[in-house]
Structures are given as structure tokens and as C-alpha cells.
Protein backbone atom coordinates (compact mmCIF):
# COMPACT_ATOMS: atom_id res chain seq x y z
CA MET A 1 146.91 30.23 183.50
CA GLU A 2 148.68 27.65 186.00
CA LEU A 3 148.31 24.82 183.20
CA PHE A 4 149.66 27.49 180.74
CA ILE A 5 152.62 28.39 182.45
CA LEU A 6 153.45 24.66 183.24
CA GLU A 7 152.99 23.93 179.45
CA HIS A 8 155.28 26.68 178.67
CA LYS A 9 157.84 25.78 181.14
CA LYS A 10 158.03 22.38 179.84
CA LEU A 11 158.20 23.46 176.22
CA TRP A 12 161.12 25.73 177.04
CA ARG A 13 162.96 23.20 179.17
CA LYS A 14 163.35 21.28 175.70
CA LYS A 15 166.85 21.09 174.06
CA ASN A 16 165.46 21.12 170.85
CA LEU A 17 163.90 24.32 171.33
CA LYS A 18 166.87 26.13 172.92
CA ILE A 19 169.15 25.16 169.73
CA CYS A 20 166.22 26.32 167.27
CA VAL A 21 165.90 29.47 168.84
CA PHE A 22 169.63 30.01 168.72
CA LEU A 23 170.20 28.86 165.31
CA CYS A 24 167.40 31.15 164.05
CA PHE A 25 168.69 34.09 165.92
CA VAL A 26 172.08 33.91 164.79
CA TYR A 27 170.77 33.07 161.20
CA ILE A 28 168.80 36.02 160.87
CA VAL A 29 170.23 38.50 163.20
CA ILE A 30 174.01 37.72 163.29
CA PHE A 31 174.66 36.53 159.82
CA GLY A 32 171.23 38.21 158.08
CA SER A 33 171.66 41.57 159.93
CA ILE A 34 174.88 42.37 161.63
CA LEU A 35 177.71 40.55 159.49
CA SER A 36 175.24 41.73 156.21
CA TYR A 37 175.79 45.24 157.47
CA GLN A 38 179.34 44.90 158.43
CA TRP A 39 180.37 42.60 155.79
CA PHE A 40 178.61 40.85 153.19
CA SER A 41 176.37 43.43 151.67
CA PHE A 42 177.82 46.80 152.68
CA GLY A 43 181.63 46.06 153.06
CA THR A 44 183.72 47.90 150.44
CA SER A 45 184.52 45.89 147.49
CA ASN A 46 187.56 43.66 147.69
CA ASP A 47 187.43 40.30 145.82
CA TYR A 48 184.53 40.89 143.17
CA THR A 49 184.15 36.80 143.04
CA SER A 50 182.54 36.69 146.46
CA THR A 51 180.33 38.74 149.12
CA PHE A 52 183.01 37.30 151.63
CA GLY A 53 186.04 38.88 149.79
CA ASN A 54 184.08 42.33 151.21
CA ASN A 55 186.26 44.24 153.86
CA PHE A 56 185.05 44.22 157.15
CA ASP A 57 184.05 48.35 157.04
CA GLY A 58 180.59 48.16 156.36
CA TYR A 59 179.54 50.62 159.31
CA SER A 60 181.96 53.55 158.00
CA ASN A 61 181.29 52.61 154.41
CA ILE A 62 177.52 53.00 154.78
CA ARG A 63 178.41 56.69 156.55
CA ASN A 64 180.22 57.40 153.81
CA ASN A 65 177.70 56.56 151.25
CA GLN A 66 175.21 58.63 153.19
CA ALA A 67 177.34 61.31 153.11
CA TYR A 68 177.89 61.49 149.55
CA ALA A 69 174.08 61.26 148.97
CA ASP A 70 173.95 64.42 151.22
CA GLN A 71 174.45 66.50 147.77
CA TRP A 72 171.52 64.70 146.05
CA ARG A 73 169.07 64.73 149.37
CA GLY A 74 165.81 65.91 148.69
CA PRO A 75 163.17 66.28 145.89
CA LEU A 76 164.30 64.21 143.01
CA THR A 77 164.43 66.14 139.65
CA ASP A 78 165.25 65.97 136.07
CA GLU A 79 168.68 68.21 137.31
CA THR A 80 169.09 66.06 140.15
CA LEU A 81 169.27 62.74 138.20
CA GLN A 82 171.61 64.42 135.49
CA HIS A 83 173.98 65.60 137.88
CA MET A 84 174.09 62.36 139.57
CA VAL A 85 174.35 60.45 136.27
CA ARG A 86 177.16 62.75 135.09
CA ASP A 87 178.95 62.41 138.76
CA TYR A 88 178.87 58.52 138.43
CA GLN A 89 180.28 58.72 134.84
CA ASP A 90 183.23 61.26 136.09
CA LYS A 91 184.23 58.79 138.89
CA SER A 92 183.71 55.58 136.88
CA GLN A 93 186.44 56.71 134.40
CA SER A 94 189.29 54.92 136.31
CA GLY A 95 187.28 51.62 136.15
CA GLN A 96 187.79 51.00 139.74
CA ARG A 97 184.65 49.92 141.65
CA GLN A 98 185.68 51.29 144.95
CA ASP A 99 185.87 54.92 143.03
CA TYR A 100 182.10 54.89 142.10
CA GLU A 101 180.44 51.91 144.35
CA MET A 102 178.84 54.77 146.81
CA THR A 103 176.94 56.59 143.69
CA ASP A 104 173.77 54.44 143.81
CA TRP A 105 174.73 53.20 140.32
CA ASN A 106 172.84 50.10 140.32
CA THR A 107 169.56 51.99 141.08
CA LEU A 108 170.45 54.78 138.38
CA ASN A 109 171.13 52.63 135.87
CA THR A 110 167.83 50.71 136.25
CA TRP A 111 166.10 54.16 136.25
CA VAL A 112 167.43 54.71 132.80
CA LYS A 113 166.85 51.51 131.12
CA THR A 114 163.32 51.55 132.14
CA LEU A 115 162.37 55.29 131.42
CA TRP A 116 165.04 55.97 128.30
CA PRO A 117 165.25 52.66 126.44
CA GLU A 118 165.60 54.42 123.52
CA LEU A 119 168.97 55.67 124.32
CA GLU A 120 170.17 52.15 124.97
CA LYS A 121 173.04 50.95 122.65
CA SER A 122 172.74 47.30 121.38
CA GLU A 123 176.66 46.60 122.10
CA ASN A 124 176.25 47.52 125.78
CA PRO A 125 172.63 46.84 126.66
CA TYR A 126 173.27 46.42 130.60
CA MET A 127 175.33 49.51 131.59
CA MET A 128 173.55 52.48 130.16
CA LEU A 129 174.82 54.61 132.85
CA ASP A 130 178.21 54.49 131.23
CA TYR A 131 177.33 56.32 127.75
CA VAL A 132 174.20 57.71 128.17
CA ASP A 133 174.01 61.53 127.37
CA PRO A 134 172.62 62.86 131.05
CA ASP A 135 171.32 65.96 129.21
CA LYS A 136 168.87 63.91 127.42
CA LEU A 137 167.08 62.50 130.68
CA THR A 138 164.62 64.54 131.05
CA GLY A 139 160.64 64.28 131.62
CA PHE A 140 161.09 61.88 134.69
CA TYR A 141 157.81 61.93 135.88
CA GLU A 142 156.09 62.20 132.70
CA ARG A 143 158.09 59.06 131.25
CA ARG A 144 157.23 57.32 134.48
CA GLN A 145 153.54 57.43 134.08
CA GLN A 146 153.70 56.46 130.56
CA ALA A 147 155.68 53.38 131.77
CA VAL A 148 153.14 52.57 134.31
CA ASP A 149 150.40 52.74 131.78
CA THR A 150 152.33 50.40 129.43
CA PHE A 151 153.11 47.73 131.83
CA LEU A 152 149.55 47.61 133.24
CA GLU A 153 148.38 47.27 129.74
CA LEU A 154 151.41 44.68 128.89
CA ASN A 155 149.94 42.93 132.04
CA GLY A 156 146.38 42.54 130.46
CA GLN A 157 145.41 45.02 133.23
CA THR A 158 142.99 47.20 131.85
CA GLY A 159 139.83 48.97 132.68
CA GLN A 160 138.79 48.48 135.99
CA GLU A 161 141.74 47.22 137.25
CA LYS A 162 144.40 49.93 135.56
CA ASN A 163 141.88 52.34 137.04
CA TYR A 164 142.38 51.04 140.60
CA PHE A 165 146.02 51.17 139.91
CA LEU A 166 146.26 54.39 138.63
CA ASN A 167 144.12 56.19 141.09
CA MET A 168 146.15 54.21 143.92
CA ASP A 169 149.58 55.91 142.00
CA ALA A 170 148.07 59.26 141.80
CA LYS A 171 148.37 59.21 145.60
CA THR A 172 152.06 59.01 145.59
CA PRO A 173 153.44 62.62 146.36
CA ILE A 174 155.54 64.10 143.31
CA PRO A 175 158.31 64.78 143.18
CA PHE A 176 159.99 61.74 144.85
CA ASN A 177 162.25 62.39 148.01
CA TYR A 178 165.38 60.90 147.48
CA ASP A 179 168.30 59.67 149.63
CA TRP A 180 170.82 56.81 149.65
CA VAL A 181 168.73 53.79 148.19
CA GLU A 182 170.62 50.82 148.61
CA GLY A 183 170.46 50.56 152.24
CA TRP A 184 166.52 50.45 152.35
CA SER A 185 166.46 48.41 149.11
CA THR A 186 168.36 45.57 150.86
CA VAL A 187 165.94 45.62 154.10
CA VAL A 188 162.60 46.21 152.28
CA ALA A 189 162.91 44.26 149.06
CA ASN A 190 164.84 41.53 150.00
CA PHE A 191 165.59 40.77 154.14
CA VAL A 192 162.52 41.05 155.89
CA SER A 193 160.64 39.16 153.17
CA GLY A 194 163.36 36.38 153.55
CA ILE A 195 162.53 36.11 157.58
CA GLY A 196 159.36 34.08 157.17
CA MET A 197 161.05 31.32 155.44
CA VAL A 198 163.56 30.68 158.17
CA MET A 199 160.95 31.34 161.06
CA ALA A 200 158.70 28.59 159.23
CA LEU A 201 161.45 25.89 159.53
CA PHE A 202 162.26 26.29 162.99
CA ILE A 203 158.50 26.85 164.35
CA ALA A 204 157.74 23.56 162.49
CA ILE A 205 160.45 21.74 164.41
CA VAL A 206 159.51 22.95 167.77
CA LEU A 207 155.98 22.74 167.61
CA SER A 208 154.92 19.87 165.45
CA PRO A 209 155.36 17.65 168.22
CA MET A 210 153.15 19.70 170.42
CA PHE A 211 150.42 17.10 170.18
CA SER A 212 151.95 14.05 168.50
CA GLY A 213 154.25 13.91 171.06
CA GLU A 214 151.90 12.97 173.54
CA TRP A 215 151.05 9.77 171.38
CA HIS A 216 154.87 9.37 171.07
CA ASN A 217 155.17 9.64 174.90
CA ASN A 218 152.34 7.46 175.62
CA THR A 219 150.83 10.09 178.11
CA LYS A 220 147.37 9.68 177.11
CA SER A 221 145.99 8.16 180.28
CA LEU A 222 147.98 10.51 182.41
CA ILE A 223 146.07 13.25 180.53
CA VAL A 224 142.79 11.86 180.71
CA THR A 225 143.12 11.25 184.72
CA THR A 226 144.00 14.71 185.54
CA ARG A 227 141.69 17.33 186.87
CA ASN A 228 142.36 19.32 183.91
CA GLY A 229 141.52 17.06 181.41
CA TRP A 230 142.01 17.32 177.58
CA GLN A 231 140.18 20.37 176.66
CA LYS A 232 142.08 22.49 179.02
CA THR A 233 145.09 20.82 178.07
CA ALA A 234 144.71 21.51 174.52
CA LEU A 235 143.90 24.92 175.02
CA ALA A 236 146.93 25.58 176.90
CA LYS A 237 148.99 23.73 174.54
CA ILE A 238 147.66 25.92 171.86
CA GLY A 239 148.40 29.01 174.00
CA VAL A 240 151.83 28.00 174.49
CA GLY A 241 152.49 27.50 170.64
CA ILE A 242 151.15 30.98 170.06
CA ALA A 243 153.45 32.49 172.91
CA PHE A 244 156.33 30.80 171.73
CA THR A 245 155.60 32.29 168.01
CA LEU A 246 155.21 35.80 169.51
CA GLU A 247 158.47 35.47 171.55
CA LEU A 248 160.43 34.16 168.86
CA PHE A 249 159.04 36.93 166.57
CA THR A 250 159.90 39.55 169.17
CA LEU A 251 163.24 38.30 169.78
CA ILE A 252 164.26 38.41 165.87
CA SER A 253 162.45 41.33 165.00
CA ILE A 254 164.31 43.58 168.09
CA GLY A 255 167.37 42.14 166.92
CA ALA A 256 167.20 42.74 163.25
CA ILE A 257 165.55 46.46 163.75
CA GLY A 258 168.23 47.21 166.35
CA ALA A 259 170.87 46.37 163.94
CA GLN A 260 169.33 48.47 161.18
CA LEU A 261 169.04 51.40 163.53
CA LEU A 262 172.82 51.00 164.48
CA PHE A 263 174.14 50.60 160.87
CA MET A 264 171.85 52.76 158.76
CA GLY A 265 169.89 55.07 161.20
CA THR A 266 166.42 56.45 160.29
CA ARG A 267 167.22 58.66 157.32
CA GLY A 268 165.69 57.75 154.12
CA TRP A 269 162.63 56.24 155.97
CA ASP A 270 160.38 58.69 153.87
CA MET A 271 161.21 57.95 150.47
CA PRO A 272 158.72 56.40 148.32
CA ILE A 273 159.23 52.66 147.73
CA GLN A 274 159.04 53.83 143.66
CA VAL A 275 162.86 54.68 144.25
CA ILE A 276 163.49 50.85 144.70
CA LYS A 277 160.71 49.80 141.76
CA LEU A 278 159.57 52.61 139.68
CA LEU A 279 156.66 51.11 138.47
CA ALA A 280 155.14 50.09 141.74
CA THR A 281 152.08 51.71 142.21
CA ALA A 282 151.34 51.53 146.17
CA PRO A 283 151.66 55.10 147.75
CA MET A 284 153.97 53.60 150.62
CA ASN A 285 157.07 55.06 151.91
CA MET A 286 160.14 53.01 153.18
CA VAL A 287 158.86 52.89 157.00
CA GLN A 288 155.39 52.11 156.04
CA ALA A 289 156.59 49.03 153.76
CA GLU A 290 158.85 47.52 156.74
CA ILE A 291 155.94 47.95 158.97
CA TYR A 292 153.61 45.79 156.44
CA GLU A 293 156.39 43.46 155.80
CA TYR A 294 156.94 42.64 159.33
CA ALA A 295 153.12 42.24 160.16
CA TYR A 296 153.25 39.99 157.33
CA VAL A 297 155.81 38.04 158.97
CA LEU A 298 154.13 37.85 162.23
CA LEU A 299 150.67 37.01 160.90
CA ALA A 300 151.90 34.57 158.80
CA SER A 301 153.56 32.76 161.65
CA LEU A 302 150.67 32.86 163.78
CA GLY A 303 148.63 31.23 160.98
CA PHE A 304 151.27 28.72 160.49
CA THR A 305 151.49 27.86 164.31
CA GLY A 306 147.73 27.16 163.71
CA ILE A 307 148.15 25.01 160.86
CA THR A 308 151.18 23.16 162.37
CA LEU A 309 149.25 22.41 165.81
CA LEU A 310 146.28 21.30 163.94
CA LEU A 311 148.54 18.64 161.93
CA SER A 312 150.16 17.66 165.03
CA SER A 313 146.87 16.67 166.67
CA LEU A 314 145.88 14.75 163.38
CA LEU A 315 149.25 12.62 163.25
CA LYS A 316 150.59 10.43 165.97
CA SER A 317 154.17 10.59 164.68
CA ASN A 318 156.46 13.45 165.25
CA PHE A 319 158.21 12.94 161.95
CA ALA A 320 155.20 12.65 160.06
CA SER A 321 154.10 15.86 162.11
CA LEU A 322 157.13 17.70 160.94
CA LEU A 323 156.88 16.54 157.51
CA ALA A 324 153.38 17.75 156.79
CA SER A 325 154.13 21.12 158.39
CA LEU A 326 156.86 21.72 156.43
CA ALA A 327 154.67 20.68 153.12
CA VAL A 328 152.47 23.06 153.88
CA VAL A 329 155.04 25.90 152.97
CA TYR A 330 157.74 24.11 150.78
CA VAL A 331 155.34 21.96 148.47
CA PRO A 332 153.49 24.84 147.42
CA LEU A 333 156.62 26.58 146.45
CA ALA A 334 157.78 23.88 144.73
CA ILE A 335 154.90 23.17 142.67
CA ALA A 336 153.94 26.76 141.91
CA GLN A 337 155.24 27.26 138.43
CA PHE A 338 153.59 24.00 137.51
CA VAL A 339 149.89 25.18 138.09
CA PRO A 340 147.44 27.41 136.48
CA LEU A 341 147.62 31.23 137.55
CA TRP A 342 144.52 30.68 139.59
CA ALA A 343 145.63 27.85 141.51
CA GLN A 344 148.98 30.08 142.16
CA LYS A 345 147.10 32.90 143.42
CA LEU A 346 145.33 30.35 145.99
CA LEU A 347 148.32 29.11 147.07
CA ASP A 348 149.82 32.26 147.74
CA LEU A 349 147.13 32.69 150.37
CA LEU A 350 149.05 30.03 152.55
CA PRO A 351 151.11 31.00 155.23
CA PHE A 352 154.67 32.19 153.63
CA VAL A 353 154.20 31.06 150.22
CA GLY A 354 152.90 34.48 149.07
CA GLN A 355 155.61 37.42 149.55
CA SER A 356 155.26 40.46 151.51
CA THR A 357 157.15 42.04 148.61
CA ASP A 358 153.71 42.25 146.66
CA ILE A 359 153.47 45.67 147.75
CA PHE A 360 155.87 46.42 144.77
CA ARG A 361 153.52 44.65 142.56
CA THR A 362 150.07 44.94 141.00
CA ASN A 363 148.93 41.29 141.52
CA THR A 364 144.82 41.52 142.44
CA TYR A 365 142.08 39.04 143.28
CA HIS A 366 138.60 39.75 142.40
CA LEU A 367 135.98 39.21 145.03
CA PHE A 368 131.93 39.79 144.39
CA GLY A 369 133.07 41.92 141.54
CA LYS A 370 135.71 44.03 143.15
CA VAL A 371 139.35 44.49 142.48
CA VAL A 372 141.47 43.67 145.67
CA TRP A 373 145.35 44.30 145.85
CA SER A 374 146.98 41.18 146.52
CA PRO A 375 148.90 42.36 149.63
CA TYR A 376 145.41 42.92 151.67
CA LEU A 377 144.36 39.39 151.48
CA LEU A 378 148.03 38.05 151.93
CA ILE A 379 148.41 39.77 155.24
CA ILE A 380 144.77 38.64 156.38
CA VAL A 381 143.83 35.09 155.31
CA PRO A 382 146.87 33.34 156.85
CA VAL A 383 146.32 34.39 160.16
CA CYS A 384 142.53 33.70 159.68
CA LEU A 385 143.49 30.13 158.46
CA GLY A 386 145.58 29.94 161.82
CA ILE A 387 142.43 31.25 163.88
CA LEU A 388 140.22 28.70 162.26
CA CYS A 389 142.39 25.73 162.90
CA ILE A 390 142.12 26.53 166.65
CA PRO A 391 138.45 25.01 167.63
CA ILE A 392 139.25 22.09 164.99
CA THR A 393 142.33 21.29 166.58
CA VAL A 394 140.79 21.03 170.35
CA THR A 395 137.69 18.86 168.80
CA LEU A 396 140.35 16.39 167.01
CA TRP A 397 142.47 16.05 169.44
CA SER A 398 139.76 15.40 172.12
CA ARG A 399 138.37 12.58 170.22
CA ARG A 400 141.15 10.85 169.84
CA MET A 401 141.85 11.20 173.12
CA LYS A 402 138.72 9.86 174.49
CA ALA A 403 138.80 6.84 172.16
């Protein structure tokens, strides 16, 4: 424990670590959360050419959107949908976005386009909401079920896979519970999934010199002659690397969740994720989806930490160690579209290469004749890779230090 504390203090005394933690916090919590809620994403529209043209009034605008949604809160029925569409059409007559932007129009338009494609006019295929007859919007859940069936078949998922997802979808309570969707859509479908890519960059910068830095600083002889020796030192360094990742994740997640609670509160947490993506089959509500995504970021971070430390023990150059660590994430992302589907699925199992938003999709793996939904493996495999790297790191580094 004493050696762990010393190594921990040594790491946190480094200026690059303090700068990385500060920049990561500013980027994710200040810009990605606080300013996004107050300005970029939820400020009322002003200059339509840029998100920076929004007004700095996100807090009050979110409250106004939630107050507007109060009249539709509860079970989502055909009648509720018809009233929402009709109200949007009344408010949009002026042509001024501020008159209708609180209506969840983007979500409503997606629902209409997905479930009633026969009502689409070729001259205006995008905004069906502007002209569709609300009275024709009937059979919401029957049409959704047909759309899910068609989607699975077009995706080549028949037989066992189709039954797997239909059984999963059957667990989603009907009718859906509705509340203001846009806020949760921003959090669950966009924000949390993007945290990992930012954390990967800063984890690599901080931890890639953990072992290679000993070669850079020429401390081999000093480590060998200390009473702790190479093995205890290696274990302490690994423990410190894991501790740093946990500390960074805790700092970021507390800040992001705190901002979310301040601006959005907790209402709408029990809406199913199907209100964001109608064809999703996972029986999850918003808070369950968010918990999964934060768990994915945490476990992927720990897996990436293990891989970064392994690479650091293999390479004597801090720069080479940093490049190799970043390559683990960014090279697979760059080449994914150029490799076969089976190779893409394997690459997705690397930390941060797959996406936590797979909970909205129907991607699968086939293991021992069983269908396995991708989010299960995406959350398990990265951390297992990191754990596997720990004994290899200790062994390889010890051999090099003895040589």
C-alpha cells in the first residue's frame, strides 16, 4: 500500500496529468454538459446557421418544453399522437421556429415517416408533419410491430434471430409512456456515448509513459536495487493506472450527471427507448439505458487502461507508447468501413471501438449456436481484455528490467 501511495502521488504531481484532467473536465462537463444545456443544444433558436447563435436561456427553455409536454404526458395513444401533430401544425403556420420548437416536432416527424410512409408526398418528403392529416394517424402500435418485422427481414434477420428480437420486444410495456423526448434523446443517444472517445485520448496521454517512462528516465538500476523490486513496483503502477481511470471517470460522471439533474431533472426517466428509436427492441427505459452506457464507458476505460499499460511495458519510447495506445482505438475506427462485416464485429469488441448506442440496434454475435445481442459482449469483452493484460504486463516488464 505504501508503494501504491507513493506511485499515486508521483503520478498526480505531473503537470501533464493535471492539464489532461482539467481539459477533459472542461470539454465534457463544461462544454458538453453545462453549456450544451444552457446554450448550444437547448437555448432558444436565434441564428439558425449555427448552434452558437442560440440564446443563452437553456434552463428556462427546458422548463418551457417540459411544461408544454405536460398536456401529453402519460400513455401514448393514437388520440394523443393526433393531438400533438395537430397542435404542431397550428403552431407552425407562422413559419417561425420559435413558435413550434417546443413541440418535439423532430421526434413526431420521425414517427410519422416510419409508420405511415404511404402518406408521404414526393414534393416534400422530409417534413411530413407539415401536411399529413392527423386523423389518418391510427394503429400506432400495430404499424410499429409491422415495421419491426419488416426491418428484421430486410436486415437478413430471420428464423432464430428474428424470434430472439421479437421476444425481446414483447417485454416492452404498451402503450408507451410519453414525456418530453428531446432532452433524453440528447443524453442517451448522443452525449454519454461520446464520453469514451474523449476519455481514451486523455487516458492514453497520462498512462502511456507509466512503464516506458522508466526507460526514458533511465531508472532501471534504481528499481532493481530497491527493497520492493520490479514485481511489486509493476503491480503498484498498474494499481495506480486503474485508480487514475476510476478517479477520472468519477469526476466526469458526477459532473455530467449533476448538470443533467440540474437542467433536466428526473422526469421522463421511465419512457421506453423506443420513443427515441421506434424500431429498437430492447425493453429498456431511459434511466436503464443511461446506466448501461455509463457502465460501458467505465468498463471500456478499464479495459483500455490495461491495454495502454501493456503497450507501455513493451515500448521504451514514450511517444511510441502513446501512438500505439491511441492506435488501439482510432485505427479500427478508421478502417472499419473497409473490412468485412465479421472483422468489423471483432474490432467492435475493442475498448471504445464499439458503441454503447448498440442498445438501439439489433446487432448480434453467434456463440456456440446461440444468438448473443451485441451490447452484452460490448460491455464484457473490453474489461476482460484489460484484466488479461495485467499479468502479461507484469511478466514482460520484469523480464526486460532483469535483462
